[in-house]
Amino acid sequence: MLQNGNILISGFFKTVNDSVRNGIVLLDSQGNIFPGFNIGDGITYSSASSWVAHVRVQPDGKILLYGSI
């Protein structure tokens, strides 16, 4: 959960609530998809052994994802 109450989720998924989100989604405190969060292409996994190990939100609000993608 982020300081503002929004929820950042990453994982092995393609859609959330019938909306394409490719492995990363930002939800508001009510669980609705946050409309202003542009994921671009999202996370494209290269194989079944790909994974996101960590999610970090920097003080400037930028989001870092790292692992084996």
C-alpha atoms as a PDB file:
ATOM      1  CA  MET A   1       0.000   0.000   0.000  1.00  0.00           C
ATOM      2  CA  LEU A   2       1.272   3.434  -0.892  1.00  0.00           C
ATOM      3  CA  GLN A   3       1.305   6.399   1.488  1.00  0.00           C
ATOM      4  CA  ASN A   4      -1.728   7.928  -0.251  1.00  0.00           C
ATOM      5  CA  GLY A   5      -3.822   4.780   0.294  1.00  0.00           C
ATOM      6  CA  ASN A   6      -3.526   3.467  -3.268  1.00  0.00           C
ATOM      7  CA  ILE A   7      -2.509  -0.151  -3.780  1.00  0.00           C
ATOM      8  CA  LEU A   8       0.214  -1.156  -6.257  1.00  0.00           C
ATOM      9  CA  ILE A   9       0.110  -4.801  -7.376  1.00  0.00           C
ATOM     10  CA  SER A  10       2.467  -6.672  -9.654  1.00  0.00           C
ATOM     11  CA  GLY A  11       2.376 -10.315 -10.632  1.00  0.00           C
ATOM     12  CA  PHE A  12       1.692 -12.809 -13.385  1.00  0.00           C
ATOM     13  CA  PHE A  13      -1.637 -11.556 -14.773  1.00  0.00           C
ATOM     14  CA  LYS A  14      -2.889  -9.911 -17.958  1.00  0.00           C
ATOM     15  CA  THR A  15      -6.205  -8.351 -16.920  1.00  0.00           C
ATOM     16  CA  VAL A  16      -7.843  -6.808 -13.867  1.00  0.00           C
ATOM     17  CA  ASN A  17     -11.611  -6.335 -13.879  1.00  0.00           C
ATOM     18  CA  ASP A  18     -11.657  -7.045 -17.640  1.00  0.00           C
ATOM     19  CA  SER A  19      -9.093  -4.278 -18.298  1.00  0.00           C
ATOM     20  CA  VAL A  20      -5.664  -5.120 -19.780  1.00  0.00           C
ATOM     21  CA  ARG A  21      -2.999  -4.437 -17.168  1.00  0.00           C
ATOM     22  CA  ASN A  22      -0.136  -6.872 -18.053  1.00  0.00           C
ATOM     23  CA  GLY A  23       1.437  -7.584 -14.702  1.00  0.00           C
ATOM     24  CA  ILE A  24       1.066  -4.247 -12.919  1.00  0.00           C
ATOM     25  CA  VAL A  25      -1.924  -2.277 -11.703  1.00  0.00           C
ATOM     26  CA  LEU A  26      -2.590   0.642  -9.380  1.00  0.00           C
ATOM     27  CA  LEU A  27      -5.838   0.502  -7.431  1.00  0.00           C
ATOM     28  CA  ASP A  28      -7.462   3.239  -5.388  1.00  0.00           C
ATOM     29  CA  SER A  29      -8.374   2.599  -1.752  1.00  0.00           C
ATOM     30  CA  GLN A  30     -11.739   1.174  -2.880  1.00  0.00           C
ATOM     31  CA  GLY A  31     -10.114  -1.380  -5.229  1.00  0.00           C
ATOM     32  CA  ASN A  32     -10.925   0.452  -8.461  1.00  0.00           C
ATOM     33  CA  ILE A  33      -8.311   0.746 -11.201  1.00  0.00           C
ATOM     34  CA  PHE A  34      -6.621   4.142 -10.927  1.00  0.00           C
ATOM     35  CA  PRO A  35      -7.275   5.739 -14.344  1.00  0.00           C
ATOM     36  CA  GLY A  36      -4.228   8.031 -14.414  1.00  0.00           C
ATOM     37  CA  PHE A  37      -1.662   5.241 -14.029  1.00  0.00           C
ATOM     38  CA  ASN A  38      -0.266   4.599 -17.514  1.00  0.00           C
ATOM     39  CA  ILE A  39       1.382   1.173 -17.676  1.00  0.00           C
ATOM     40  CA  GLY A  40       2.381   1.369 -21.333  1.00  0.00           C
ATOM     41  CA  ASP A  41       2.931  -2.237 -22.404  1.00  0.00           C
ATOM     42  CA  GLY A  42       3.092  -3.349 -18.792  1.00  0.00           C
ATOM     43  CA  ILE A  43       5.307  -6.311 -18.010  1.00  0.00           C
ATOM     44  CA  THR A  44       5.906  -8.798 -20.798  1.00  0.00           C
ATOM     45  CA  TYR A  45       7.243 -12.047 -19.415  1.00  0.00           C
ATOM     46  CA  SER A  46       9.786 -13.800 -21.621  1.00  0.00           C
ATOM     47  CA  SER A  47       9.251 -17.254 -20.100  1.00  0.00           C
ATOM     48  CA  ALA A  48       7.448 -19.157 -17.356  1.00  0.00           C
ATOM     49  CA  SER A  49      10.480 -18.576 -15.106  1.00  0.00           C
ATOM     50  CA  SER A  50      10.178 -14.773 -15.308  1.00  0.00           C
ATOM     51  CA  TRP A  51       9.156 -12.957 -12.134  1.00  0.00           C
ATOM     52  CA  VAL A  52       9.082  -9.603 -10.380  1.00  0.00           C
ATOM     53  CA  ALA A  53      11.102  -9.881  -7.190  1.00  0.00           C
ATOM     54  CA  HIS A  54      10.683  -6.383  -5.775  1.00  0.00           C
ATOM     55  CA  VAL A  55       8.619  -3.255  -6.226  1.00  0.00           C
ATOM     56  CA  ARG A  56       9.995   0.012  -4.921  1.00  0.00           C
ATOM     57  CA  VAL A  57       8.444   3.460  -4.970  1.00  0.00           C
ATOM     58  CA  GLN A  58      11.093   6.181  -4.876  1.00  0.00           C
ATOM     59  CA  PRO A  59      10.568   9.442  -2.950  1.00  0.00           C
ATOM     60  CA  ASP A  60       9.867  11.216  -6.272  1.00  0.00           C
ATOM     61  CA  GLY A  61       7.010   8.770  -6.980  1.00  0.00           C
ATOM     62  CA  LYS A  62       8.778   6.773  -9.681  1.00  0.00           C
ATOM     63  CA  ILE A  63       8.156   3.030  -9.493  1.00  0.00           C
ATOM     64  CA  LEU A  64      10.947   0.504  -9.893  1.00  0.00           C
ATOM     65  CA  LEU A  65      10.285  -3.176 -10.633  1.00  0.00           C
ATOM     66  CA  TYR A  66      13.089  -5.661 -10.729  1.00  0.00           C
ATOM     67  CA  GLY A  67      13.566  -9.388 -10.978  1.00  0.00           C
ATOM     68  CA  SER A  68      13.944 -11.770 -13.886  1.00  0.00           C
ATOM     69  CA  ILE A  69      11.820 -10.644 -16.814  1.00  0.00           C
END
